[in-house]
Amino acid sequence: MKVAVWVNDASEIKPEQTTAGIISELERRGHDVSVCGVRGLSVTPGGGVWCAGHEGSRVDLSDHDAVWVRTNPGRDAGAAYAHGVGLRLLERLDAEGVVVLNAPSGLERAGTKLYLCELSERVRPRTLVSRDIDQVRAFVTSCDGACVLKPLDGTHGRDVFKVDALAPSNLRQIIDVLCRDGFVMAQQYVAEAGRGDVRAILVNGEPLRVDGKACVVRRVPGAGDFRSNVSAGGRAEGEVWSDRLEQVVKELGPKLRRDGLFMVGADVIGSKLVEVNVYSPGGVGDASRFSGVDFMGALVTKFEERVEEVKGAR
């Protein structure tokens, strides 16, 4: 099978990342793998979609069986133009018969935190999205306790603030800073956040499982910080599946399947879903290490099965 793995920049992939593990496992199984960065896109006079590959090579994506999208637009603001064009070209490839996972239409719909608002408050915190400073401030003061403010398009815990409605001395300044660059998402703080969040890897809307174990990992905040993102100083710990996770996935899973979102990282605090990561969710390696099972192999098997299923249905 010819597979292109679409990333921000192939030179930035680190060995410990889930993307590196995916590439390694695909190659171990004998697949013909190309790793393409979003900046190297081109459309030929004949209408083919090409991308820059290893060491200056050119890769014709039109003759591939599948493209596995592992980009992260939120970490690549300087190439926003390329990510936008990339989605359009991925839609074109998909229409021509190349299986694209996750589906471009699903990525466009779920590419920001706004996707969370399409779910009921049974499984997510009370939430407001706005650029109106007074409206955001009113939401914070209306909550019982603390709130979390963050950019709608943010990633890796950047520019995320915990604010207390009872001590709003600099609240307006924080909101003003966040509103300068776009919409703000305000969420009521979930009390269990002190223990961090749980990252669950979902495939086809279901937890990725091996030998009865689910691919989950707890991310614990570092000292003096409430953010659990590993990139912000948090650390990963082992975790097991729970009834509360099951209830979240029961509502989220069917929506992911409808939207063509093959692999997703769901971040859950207590019984509340706080983020849905649809581009390049990580944590598979950590979950494998803590559980003692090969989630990476299971993930690639699911990918192979999904590609064959889609191609067979066309």
C-alpha atoms as a PDB file:
ATOM      1  CA  MET A   1       0.000   0.000   0.000  1.00  0.00           C
ATOM      2  CA  LYS A   2       1.260   3.498  -0.849  1.00  0.00           C
ATOM      3  CA  VAL A   3       0.661   5.836   2.075  1.00  0.00           C
ATOM      4  CA  ALA A   4       1.517   9.525   2.416  1.00  0.00           C
ATOM      5  CA  VAL A   5       1.790  10.911   5.934  1.00  0.00           C
ATOM      6  CA  TRP A   6       0.978  14.610   5.766  1.00  0.00           C
ATOM      7  CA  VAL A   7       2.729  16.697   8.477  1.00  0.00           C
ATOM      8  CA  ASN A   8       3.621  20.313   9.236  1.00  0.00           C
ATOM      9  CA  ASP A   9       7.307  19.782   8.509  1.00  0.00           C
ATOM     10  CA  ALA A  10       8.981  16.395   8.090  1.00  0.00           C
ATOM     11  CA  SER A  11      12.236  17.723   9.589  1.00  0.00           C
ATOM     12  CA  GLU A  12      10.493  18.533  12.891  1.00  0.00           C
ATOM     13  CA  ILE A  13       9.221  15.024  13.685  1.00  0.00           C
ATOM     14  CA  LYS A  14      10.723  13.682  16.913  1.00  0.00           C
ATOM     15  CA  PRO A  15      11.314   9.948  17.567  1.00  0.00           C
ATOM     16  CA  GLU A  16       9.116   9.890  20.674  1.00  0.00           C
ATOM     17  CA  GLN A  17       6.082  11.374  18.927  1.00  0.00           C
ATOM     18  CA  THR A  18       3.052   9.354  17.884  1.00  0.00           C
ATOM     19  CA  THR A  19       3.565  10.464  14.280  1.00  0.00           C
ATOM     20  CA  ALA A  20       7.070   8.958  14.246  1.00  0.00           C
ATOM     21  CA  GLY A  21       5.667   5.724  15.669  1.00  0.00           C
ATOM     22  CA  ILE A  22       2.998   5.583  12.968  1.00  0.00           C
ATOM     23  CA  ILE A  23       5.560   6.083  10.194  1.00  0.00           C
ATOM     24  CA  SER A  24       7.869   3.454  11.682  1.00  0.00           C
ATOM     25  CA  GLU A  25       5.078   0.888  12.017  1.00  0.00           C
ATOM     26  CA  LEU A  26       3.819   1.493   8.491  1.00  0.00           C
ATOM     27  CA  GLU A  27       7.336   0.986   7.127  1.00  0.00           C
ATOM     28  CA  ARG A  28       7.885  -2.102   9.293  1.00  0.00           C
ATOM     29  CA  ARG A  29       4.846  -3.662   7.651  1.00  0.00           C
ATOM     30  CA  GLY A  30       6.263  -3.074   4.198  1.00  0.00           C
ATOM     31  CA  HIS A  31       4.107  -0.164   3.088  1.00  0.00           C
ATOM     32  CA  ASP A  32       5.565   2.395   0.679  1.00  0.00           C
ATOM     33  CA  VAL A  33       5.545   5.504   2.896  1.00  0.00           C
ATOM     34  CA  SER A  34       6.071   9.131   1.876  1.00  0.00           C
ATOM     35  CA  VAL A  35       6.281  11.902   4.483  1.00  0.00           C
ATOM     36  CA  CYS A  36       5.100  15.251   3.114  1.00  0.00           C
ATOM     37  CA  GLY A  37       5.102  18.755   4.580  1.00  0.00           C
ATOM     38  CA  VAL A  38       2.230  21.150   3.938  1.00  0.00           C
ATOM     39  CA  ARG A  39       4.493  23.854   2.502  1.00  0.00           C
ATOM     40  CA  GLY A  40       5.565  21.667  -0.424  1.00  0.00           C
ATOM     41  CA  LEU A  41       2.216  21.490  -2.194  1.00  0.00           C
ATOM     42  CA  SER A  42       1.720  21.977  -5.896  1.00  0.00           C
ATOM     43  CA  VAL A  43      -0.855  21.243  -8.589  1.00  0.00           C
ATOM     44  CA  THR A  44       0.578  20.201 -11.953  1.00  0.00           C
ATOM     45  CA  PRO A  45      -0.667  21.459 -15.351  1.00  0.00           C
ATOM     46  CA  GLY A  46      -2.329  18.080 -15.754  1.00  0.00           C
ATOM     47  CA  GLY A  47      -4.226  18.479 -12.488  1.00  0.00           C
ATOM     48  CA  GLY A  48      -2.152  16.142 -10.322  1.00  0.00           C
ATOM     49  CA  VAL A  49      -1.497  16.942  -6.671  1.00  0.00           C
ATOM     50  CA  TRP A  50       2.168  16.805  -5.736  1.00  0.00           C
ATOM     51  CA  CYS A  51       4.063  17.378  -2.532  1.00  0.00           C
ATOM     52  CA  ALA A  52       7.703  17.726  -1.518  1.00  0.00           C
ATOM     53  CA  GLY A  53       9.037  14.508   0.006  1.00  0.00           C
ATOM     54  CA  HIS A  54      12.367  13.382   1.456  1.00  0.00           C
ATOM     55  CA  GLU A  55      15.519  15.231   0.373  1.00  0.00           C
ATOM     56  CA  GLY A  56      13.851  17.343  -2.284  1.00  0.00           C
ATOM     57  CA  SER A  57      11.980  14.505  -3.973  1.00  0.00           C
ATOM     58  CA  ARG A  58       8.560  15.103  -5.519  1.00  0.00           C
ATOM     59  CA  VAL A  59       5.672  12.869  -4.515  1.00  0.00           C
ATOM     60  CA  ASP A  60       2.581  12.368  -6.671  1.00  0.00           C
ATOM     61  CA  LEU A  61      -0.180  12.009  -4.090  1.00  0.00           C
ATOM     62  CA  SER A  62      -2.740  11.135  -6.747  1.00  0.00           C
ATOM     63  CA  ASP A  63      -1.282   7.646  -7.179  1.00  0.00           C
ATOM     64  CA  HIS A  64      -1.365   6.813  -3.444  1.00  0.00           C
ATOM     65  CA  ASP A  65      -3.838   4.516  -1.757  1.00  0.00           C
ATOM     66  CA  ALA A  66      -4.173   6.741   1.291  1.00  0.00           C
ATOM     67  CA  VAL A  67      -3.100   9.957   2.989  1.00  0.00           C
ATOM     68  CA  TRP A  68      -2.843   9.945   6.788  1.00  0.00           C
ATOM     69  CA  VAL A  69      -3.199  13.524   8.010  1.00  0.00           C
ATOM     70  CA  ARG A  70      -0.909  14.302  10.962  1.00  0.00           C
ATOM     71  CA  THR A  71      -0.675  18.075  10.662  1.00  0.00           C
ATOM     72  CA  ASN A  72      -1.197  20.576  13.484  1.00  0.00           C
ATOM     73  CA  PRO A  73      -2.291  23.950  12.054  1.00  0.00           C
ATOM     74  CA  GLY A  74      -2.389  25.505  15.527  1.00  0.00           C
ATOM     75  CA  ARG A  75       1.383  25.078  15.842  1.00  0.00           C
ATOM     76  CA  ASP A  76       2.124  26.366  12.350  1.00  0.00           C
ATOM     77  CA  ALA A  77       0.659  29.851  12.086  1.00  0.00           C
ATOM     78  CA  GLY A  78       3.312  30.882   9.581  1.00  0.00           C
ATOM     79  CA  ALA A  79       1.933  28.375   7.086  1.00  0.00           C
ATOM     80  CA  ALA A  80      -1.774  29.011   7.594  1.00  0.00           C
ATOM     81  CA  TYR A  81      -2.068  29.573   3.844  1.00  0.00           C
ATOM     82  CA  ALA A  82      -0.719  26.070   3.168  1.00  0.00           C
ATOM     83  CA  HIS A  83      -2.981  24.326   5.671  1.00  0.00           C
ATOM     84  CA  GLY A  84      -6.065  25.941   4.149  1.00  0.00           C
ATOM     85  CA  VAL A  85      -5.072  25.015   0.602  1.00  0.00           C
ATOM     86  CA  GLY A  86      -4.079  21.572   1.846  1.00  0.00           C
ATOM     87  CA  LEU A  87      -7.592  20.792   3.020  1.00  0.00           C
ATOM     88  CA  ARG A  88      -8.989  21.754  -0.385  1.00  0.00           C
ATOM     89  CA  LEU A  89      -6.477  19.509  -2.140  1.00  0.00           C
ATOM     90  CA  LEU A  90      -7.154  16.648   0.263  1.00  0.00           C
ATOM     91  CA  GLU A  91     -10.836  16.916  -0.613  1.00  0.00           C
ATOM     92  CA  ARG A  92      -9.869  16.691  -4.269  1.00  0.00           C
ATOM     93  CA  LEU A  93      -7.704  13.620  -3.678  1.00  0.00           C
ATOM     94  CA  ASP A  94     -10.484  11.982  -1.695  1.00  0.00           C
ATOM     95  CA  ALA A  95     -12.948  12.593  -4.524  1.00  0.00           C
ATOM     96  CA  GLU A  96     -10.472  10.996  -6.948  1.00  0.00           C
ATOM     97  CA  GLY A  97     -10.300   7.802  -4.894  1.00  0.00           C
ATOM     98  CA  VAL A  98      -7.394   8.388  -2.499  1.00  0.00           C
ATOM     99  CA  VAL A  99      -8.545   7.534   1.041  1.00  0.00           C
ATOM    100  CA  VAL A 100      -7.880  10.511   3.323  1.00  0.00           C
ATOM    101  CA  LEU A 101      -7.988  10.026   7.081  1.00  0.00           C
ATOM    102  CA  ASN A 102      -9.203  11.981   8.869  1.00  0.00           C
ATOM    103  CA  ALA A 103     -11.775  13.121   6.299  1.00  0.00           C
ATOM    104  CA  PRO A 104     -11.038  16.697   5.120  1.00  0.00           C
ATOM    105  CA  SER A 105     -14.644  17.766   5.672  1.00  0.00           C
ATOM    106  CA  GLY A 106     -14.476  16.478   9.242  1.00  0.00           C
ATOM    107  CA  LEU A 107     -11.171  18.231   9.868  1.00  0.00           C
ATOM    108  CA  GLU A 108     -12.631  21.497   8.634  1.00  0.00           C
ATOM    109  CA  ARG A 109     -15.665  21.128  10.858  1.00  0.00           C
ATOM    110  CA  ALA A 110     -13.796  19.984  13.953  1.00  0.00           C
ATOM    111  CA  GLY A 111     -10.548  21.888  13.452  1.00  0.00           C
ATOM    112  CA  THR A 112     -11.240  24.351  16.260  1.00  0.00           C
ATOM    113  CA  LYS A 113     -12.570  24.017  19.787  1.00  0.00           C
ATOM    114  CA  LEU A 114     -15.932  25.220  18.477  1.00  0.00           C
ATOM    115  CA  TYR A 115     -16.673  21.574  17.632  1.00  0.00           C
ATOM    116  CA  LEU A 116     -17.143  20.947  21.335  1.00  0.00           C
ATOM    117  CA  CYS A 117     -20.179  23.244  21.352  1.00  0.00           C
ATOM    118  CA  GLU A 118     -22.026  20.821  19.068  1.00  0.00           C
ATOM    119  CA  LEU A 119     -22.291  18.416  22.000  1.00  0.00           C
ATOM    120  CA  SER A 120     -24.678  18.719  24.929  1.00  0.00           C
ATOM    121  CA  GLU A 121     -23.700  20.033  28.356  1.00  0.00           C
ATOM    122  CA  ARG A 122     -24.184  16.509  29.665  1.00  0.00           C
ATOM    123  CA  VAL A 123     -20.654  15.755  28.504  1.00  0.00           C
ATOM    124  CA  ARG A 124     -18.922  19.145  28.316  1.00  0.00           C
ATOM    125  CA  PRO A 125     -18.443  22.125  30.636  1.00  0.00           C
ATOM    126  CA  ARG A 126     -20.690  25.161  30.427  1.00  0.00           C
ATOM    127  CA  THR A 127     -19.098  27.119  27.586  1.00  0.00           C
ATOM    128  CA  LEU A 128     -19.126  30.493  25.860  1.00  0.00           C
ATOM    129  CA  VAL A 129     -17.377  31.464  22.614  1.00  0.00           C
ATOM    130  CA  SER A 130     -17.157  35.176  21.874  1.00  0.00           C
ATOM    131  CA  ARG A 131     -14.971  38.170  20.982  1.00  0.00           C
ATOM    132  CA  ASP A 132     -17.115  40.518  23.073  1.00  0.00           C
ATOM    133  CA  ILE A 133     -15.035  41.445  26.106  1.00  0.00           C
ATOM    134  CA  ASP A 134     -18.051  42.381  28.230  1.00  0.00           C
ATOM    135  CA  GLN A 135     -19.866  39.163  27.306  1.00  0.00           C
ATOM    136  CA  VAL A 136     -16.876  37.019  28.264  1.00  0.00           C
ATOM    137  CA  ARG A 137     -16.461  38.931  31.514  1.00  0.00           C
ATOM    138  CA  ALA A 138     -20.154  38.485  32.349  1.00  0.00           C
ATOM    139  CA  PHE A 139     -19.876  34.745  31.705  1.00  0.00           C
ATOM    140  CA  VAL A 140     -16.906  34.449  34.072  1.00  0.00           C
ATOM    141  CA  THR A 141     -18.611  36.364  36.847  1.00  0.00           C
ATOM    142  CA  SER A 142     -21.785  34.294  36.406  1.00  0.00           C
ATOM    143  CA  CYS A 143     -19.955  31.044  37.067  1.00  0.00           C
ATOM    144  CA  ASP A 144     -19.699  29.526  40.507  1.00  0.00           C
ATOM    145  CA  GLY A 145     -15.949  29.588  41.036  1.00  0.00           C
ATOM    146  CA  ALA A 146     -13.232  29.592  38.400  1.00  0.00           C
ATOM    147  CA  CYS A 147     -13.218  29.574  34.604  1.00  0.00           C
ATOM    148  CA  VAL A 148     -10.689  28.660  31.942  1.00  0.00           C
ATOM    149  CA  LEU A 149     -10.097  31.105  29.093  1.00  0.00           C
ATOM    150  CA  LYS A 150      -8.275  30.081  25.924  1.00  0.00           C
ATOM    151  CA  PRO A 151      -8.009  30.919  22.232  1.00  0.00           C
ATOM    152  CA  LEU A 152     -10.496  29.096  20.055  1.00  0.00           C
ATOM    153  CA  ASP A 153      -7.701  28.017  17.722  1.00  0.00           C
ATOM    154  CA  GLY A 154      -4.995  27.410  20.336  1.00  0.00           C
ATOM    155  CA  THR A 155      -2.921  24.303  20.948  1.00  0.00           C
ATOM    156  CA  HIS A 156      -0.476  22.799  23.453  1.00  0.00           C
ATOM    157  CA  GLY A 157      -1.809  24.863  26.347  1.00  0.00           C
ATOM    158  CA  ARG A 158      -0.643  28.177  24.896  1.00  0.00           C
ATOM    159  CA  ASP A 159      -2.363  31.328  26.184  1.00  0.00           C
ATOM    160  CA  VAL A 160      -4.638  29.325  28.492  1.00  0.00           C
ATOM    161  CA  PHE A 161      -5.667  31.093  31.698  1.00  0.00           C
ATOM    162  CA  LYS A 162      -7.515  30.042  34.817  1.00  0.00           C
ATOM    163  CA  VAL A 163      -9.426  32.998  36.258  1.00  0.00           C
ATOM    164  CA  ASP A 164     -11.438  33.317  39.442  1.00  0.00           C
ATOM    165  CA  ALA A 165     -14.639  35.343  39.351  1.00  0.00           C
ATOM    166  CA  LEU A 166     -14.061  36.304  42.994  1.00  0.00           C
ATOM    167  CA  ALA A 167     -10.699  37.925  42.250  1.00  0.00           C
ATOM    168  CA  PRO A 168     -11.081  39.579  38.825  1.00  0.00           C
ATOM    169  CA  SER A 169      -8.506  42.360  39.255  1.00  0.00           C
ATOM    170  CA  ASN A 170      -6.836  41.684  35.892  1.00  0.00           C
ATOM    171  CA  LEU A 171      -9.694  39.787  34.234  1.00  0.00           C
ATOM    172  CA  ARG A 172     -10.446  42.453  31.659  1.00  0.00           C
ATOM    173  CA  GLN A 173      -6.796  42.663  30.613  1.00  0.00           C
ATOM    174  CA  ILE A 174      -6.587  38.890  30.097  1.00  0.00           C
ATOM    175  CA  ILE A 175      -9.750  38.854  28.012  1.00  0.00           C
ATOM    176  CA  ASP A 176      -8.557  41.846  26.011  1.00  0.00           C
ATOM    177  CA  VAL A 177      -5.268  40.122  25.160  1.00  0.00           C
ATOM    178  CA  LEU A 178      -7.035  36.925  24.053  1.00  0.00           C
ATOM    179  CA  CYS A 179      -9.604  38.807  21.960  1.00  0.00           C
ATOM    180  CA  ARG A 180      -6.940  40.620  19.969  1.00  0.00           C
ATOM    181  CA  ASP A 181      -6.133  37.540  17.892  1.00  0.00           C
ATOM    182  CA  GLY A 182      -9.568  35.956  17.571  1.00  0.00           C
ATOM    183  CA  PHE A 183     -12.400  34.299  19.427  1.00  0.00           C
ATOM    184  CA  VAL A 184     -12.146  33.309  23.073  1.00  0.00           C
ATOM    185  CA  MET A 185     -13.507  30.088  24.531  1.00  0.00           C
ATOM    186  CA  ALA A 186     -14.569  30.389  28.160  1.00  0.00           C
ATOM    187  CA  GLN A 187     -15.323  27.193  30.065  1.00  0.00           C
ATOM    188  CA  GLN A 188     -16.489  26.685  33.593  1.00  0.00           C
ATOM    189  CA  TYR A 189     -13.634  25.118  35.536  1.00  0.00           C
ATOM    190  CA  VAL A 190     -14.079  21.415  36.268  1.00  0.00           C
ATOM    191  CA  ALA A 191     -13.214  20.655  39.884  1.00  0.00           C
ATOM    192  CA  GLU A 192     -11.314  17.436  39.101  1.00  0.00           C
ATOM    193  CA  ALA A 193      -8.847  19.377  36.930  1.00  0.00           C
ATOM    194  CA  GLY A 194      -6.361  19.396  39.804  1.00  0.00           C
ATOM    195  CA  ARG A 195      -5.657  15.745  38.951  1.00  0.00           C
ATOM    196  CA  GLY A 196      -5.143  16.611  35.298  1.00  0.00           C
ATOM    197  CA  ASP A 197      -7.048  15.236  32.332  1.00  0.00           C
ATOM    198  CA  VAL A 198      -7.343  11.869  30.619  1.00  0.00           C
ATOM    199  CA  ARG A 199      -6.400  11.574  26.950  1.00  0.00           C
ATOM    200  CA  ALA A 200      -8.348   8.768  25.282  1.00  0.00           C
ATOM    201  CA  ILE A 201      -7.456   7.678  21.759  1.00  0.00           C
ATOM    202  CA  LEU A 202     -10.619   6.891  19.818  1.00  0.00           C
ATOM    203  CA  VAL A 203     -10.632   5.078  16.481  1.00  0.00           C
ATOM    204  CA  ASN A 204     -13.826   4.992  14.443  1.00  0.00           C
ATOM    205  CA  GLY A 205     -15.577   6.522  17.448  1.00  0.00           C
ATOM    206  CA  GLU A 206     -14.541   3.736  19.833  1.00  0.00           C
ATOM    207  CA  PRO A 207     -11.666   3.420  22.318  1.00  0.00           C
ATOM    208  CA  LEU A 208      -8.587   1.808  20.784  1.00  0.00           C
ATOM    209  CA  ARG A 209      -8.200  -1.474  22.690  1.00  0.00           C
ATOM    210  CA  VAL A 210      -5.660  -4.284  22.924  1.00  0.00           C
ATOM    211  CA  ASP A 211      -6.231  -7.326  25.156  1.00  0.00           C
ATOM    212  CA  GLY A 212      -9.101  -5.563  26.899  1.00  0.00           C
ATOM    213  CA  LYS A 213      -7.004  -2.487  27.712  1.00  0.00           C
ATOM    214  CA  ALA A 214      -7.935   0.933  26.343  1.00  0.00           C
ATOM    215  CA  CYS A 215      -5.463   3.439  24.931  1.00  0.00           C
ATOM    216  CA  VAL A 216      -5.715   6.094  27.637  1.00  0.00           C
ATOM    217  CA  VAL A 217      -3.174   8.147  29.548  1.00  0.00           C
ATOM    218  CA  ARG A 218      -3.529  10.647  32.374  1.00  0.00           C
ATOM    219  CA  ARG A 219      -1.764  13.980  31.964  1.00  0.00           C
ATOM    220  CA  VAL A 220      -0.909  15.609  35.288  1.00  0.00           C
ATOM    221  CA  PRO A 221      -0.082  19.324  35.657  1.00  0.00           C
ATOM    222  CA  GLY A 222       3.417  20.347  36.638  1.00  0.00           C
ATOM    223  CA  ALA A 223       4.181  22.217  39.840  1.00  0.00           C
ATOM    224  CA  GLY A 224       2.639  25.683  39.968  1.00  0.00           C
ATOM    225  CA  ASP A 225       0.530  25.198  36.829  1.00  0.00           C
ATOM    226  CA  PHE A 226      -3.026  24.026  36.187  1.00  0.00           C
ATOM    227  CA  ARG A 227      -2.400  22.991  32.568  1.00  0.00           C
ATOM    228  CA  SER A 228      -1.841  19.291  32.017  1.00  0.00           C
ATOM    229  CA  ASN A 229      -0.350  19.531  28.506  1.00  0.00           C
ATOM    230  CA  VAL A 230       2.973  17.704  28.416  1.00  0.00           C
ATOM    231  CA  SER A 231       4.364  20.536  26.278  1.00  0.00           C
ATOM    232  CA  ALA A 232       3.450  22.947  29.103  1.00  0.00           C
ATOM    233  CA  GLY A 233       5.277  20.983  31.795  1.00  0.00           C
ATOM    234  CA  GLY A 234       2.725  18.284  32.557  1.00  0.00           C
ATOM    235  CA  ARG A 235       3.649  14.618  32.837  1.00  0.00           C
ATOM    236  CA  ALA A 236       2.017  11.440  31.637  1.00  0.00           C
ATOM    237  CA  GLU A 237       0.825   8.680  33.960  1.00  0.00           C
ATOM    238  CA  GLY A 238      -0.945   5.391  33.479  1.00  0.00           C
ATOM    239  CA  GLU A 239      -4.748   5.339  33.449  1.00  0.00           C
ATOM    240  CA  VAL A 240      -7.550   2.821  32.930  1.00  0.00           C
ATOM    241  CA  TRP A 241     -10.916   3.017  31.239  1.00  0.00           C
ATOM    242  CA  SER A 242     -13.827   4.142  33.409  1.00  0.00           C
ATOM    243  CA  ASP A 243     -17.615   4.353  33.321  1.00  0.00           C
ATOM    244  CA  ARG A 244     -17.372   8.145  33.079  1.00  0.00           C
ATOM    245  CA  LEU A 245     -15.186   7.893  29.984  1.00  0.00           C
ATOM    246  CA  GLU A 246     -17.649   5.392  28.561  1.00  0.00           C
ATOM    247  CA  GLN A 247     -20.531   7.863  28.932  1.00  0.00           C
ATOM    248  CA  VAL A 248     -18.587  10.600  27.140  1.00  0.00           C
ATOM    249  CA  VAL A 249     -17.646   8.306  24.251  1.00  0.00           C
ATOM    250  CA  LYS A 250     -21.205   7.013  24.016  1.00  0.00           C
ATOM    251  CA  GLU A 251     -22.317  10.508  22.989  1.00  0.00           C
ATOM    252  CA  LEU A 252     -19.190  11.571  21.106  1.00  0.00           C
ATOM    253  CA  GLY A 253     -18.515   8.381  19.129  1.00  0.00           C
ATOM    254  CA  PRO A 254     -21.471   8.436  16.714  1.00  0.00           C
ATOM    255  CA  LYS A 255     -20.720  12.063  15.843  1.00  0.00           C
ATOM    256  CA  LEU A 256     -17.081  11.258  15.076  1.00  0.00           C
ATOM    257  CA  ARG A 257     -18.157   8.452  12.758  1.00  0.00           C
ATOM    258  CA  ARG A 258     -20.660  10.674  10.937  1.00  0.00           C
ATOM    259  CA  ASP A 259     -17.989  13.316  10.408  1.00  0.00           C
ATOM    260  CA  GLY A 260     -15.393  10.853   9.091  1.00  0.00           C
ATOM    261  CA  LEU A 261     -12.986  11.396  11.987  1.00  0.00           C
ATOM    262  CA  PHE A 262     -11.033   8.150  12.086  1.00  0.00           C
ATOM    263  CA  MET A 263      -8.518   8.934  14.858  1.00  0.00           C
ATOM    264  CA  VAL A 264      -9.263  11.421  17.625  1.00  0.00           C
ATOM    265  CA  GLY A 265      -7.792  12.322  20.989  1.00  0.00           C
ATOM    266  CA  ALA A 266     -10.548  13.082  23.505  1.00  0.00           C
ATOM    267  CA  ASP A 267      -9.452  15.018  26.591  1.00  0.00           C
ATOM    268  CA  VAL A 268     -11.710  14.390  29.571  1.00  0.00           C
ATOM    269  CA  ILE A 269     -11.716  15.860  33.071  1.00  0.00           C
ATOM    270  CA  GLY A 270     -13.955  13.966  35.449  1.00  0.00           C
ATOM    271  CA  SER A 271     -17.063  13.355  33.378  1.00  0.00           C
ATOM    272  CA  LYS A 272     -16.612  16.361  31.084  1.00  0.00           C
ATOM    273  CA  LEU A 273     -15.061  16.453  27.618  1.00  0.00           C
ATOM    274  CA  VAL A 274     -12.873  19.577  27.429  1.00  0.00           C
ATOM    275  CA  GLU A 275     -11.210  19.152  24.014  1.00  0.00           C
ATOM    276  CA  VAL A 276     -11.463  17.032  20.880  1.00  0.00           C
ATOM    277  CA  ASN A 277      -8.122  16.730  19.073  1.00  0.00           C
ATOM    278  CA  VAL A 278      -8.700  15.739  15.444  1.00  0.00           C
ATOM    279  CA  TYR A 279      -5.471  16.587  13.639  1.00  0.00           C
ATOM    280  CA  SER A 280      -2.507  14.841  15.261  1.00  0.00           C
ATOM    281  CA  PRO A 281      -3.411  13.529  18.721  1.00  0.00           C
ATOM    282  CA  GLY A 282      -0.540  12.003  20.652  1.00  0.00           C
ATOM    283  CA  GLY A 283      -0.182   9.771  23.675  1.00  0.00           C
ATOM    284  CA  VAL A 284      -0.178   6.384  21.951  1.00  0.00           C
ATOM    285  CA  GLY A 285       3.426   5.644  22.909  1.00  0.00           C
ATOM    286  CA  ASP A 286       2.880   6.619  26.555  1.00  0.00           C
ATOM    287  CA  ALA A 287      -0.281   4.516  26.767  1.00  0.00           C
ATOM    288  CA  SER A 288       1.581   1.524  25.320  1.00  0.00           C
ATOM    289  CA  ARG A 289       4.425   1.964  27.797  1.00  0.00           C
ATOM    290  CA  PHE A 290       2.155   2.181  30.839  1.00  0.00           C
ATOM    291  CA  SER A 291      -0.177  -0.634  29.748  1.00  0.00           C
ATOM    292  CA  GLY A 292       2.460  -2.999  28.397  1.00  0.00           C
ATOM    293  CA  VAL A 293       0.592  -3.562  25.120  1.00  0.00           C
ATOM    294  CA  ASP A 294       1.201  -2.499  21.517  1.00  0.00           C
ATOM    295  CA  PHE A 295      -1.338   0.225  20.803  1.00  0.00           C
ATOM    296  CA  MET A 296       0.708   1.523  17.872  1.00  0.00           C
ATOM    297  CA  GLY A 297       0.413  -1.781  16.048  1.00  0.00           C
ATOM    298  CA  ALA A 298      -3.315  -1.913  16.773  1.00  0.00           C
ATOM    299  CA  LEU A 299      -3.737   1.637  15.477  1.00  0.00           C
ATOM    300  CA  VAL A 300      -2.010   0.897  12.175  1.00  0.00           C
ATOM    301  CA  THR A 301      -4.069  -2.295  11.782  1.00  0.00           C
ATOM    302  CA  LYS A 302      -7.240  -0.216  12.209  1.00  0.00           C
ATOM    303  CA  PHE A 303      -5.909   2.208   9.605  1.00  0.00           C
ATOM    304  CA  GLU A 304      -5.240  -0.597   7.120  1.00  0.00           C
ATOM    305  CA  GLU A 305      -8.707  -2.032   7.704  1.00  0.00           C
ATOM    306  CA  ARG A 306     -10.371   1.362   7.294  1.00  0.00           C
ATOM    307  CA  VAL A 307      -8.546   2.083   4.023  1.00  0.00           C
ATOM    308  CA  GLU A 308      -9.582  -1.271   2.601  1.00  0.00           C
ATOM    309  CA  GLU A 309     -13.156  -0.772   3.792  1.00  0.00           C
ATOM    310  CA  VAL A 310     -13.452   2.645   2.144  1.00  0.00           C
ATOM    311  CA  LYS A 311     -11.819   1.499  -1.096  1.00  0.00           C
ATOM    312  CA  GLY A 312     -14.069  -1.537  -1.213  1.00  0.00           C
ATOM    313  CA  ALA A 313     -17.191   0.598  -0.783  1.00  0.00           C
ATOM    314  CA  ARG A 314     -16.310   2.935  -3.679  1.00  0.00           C
END
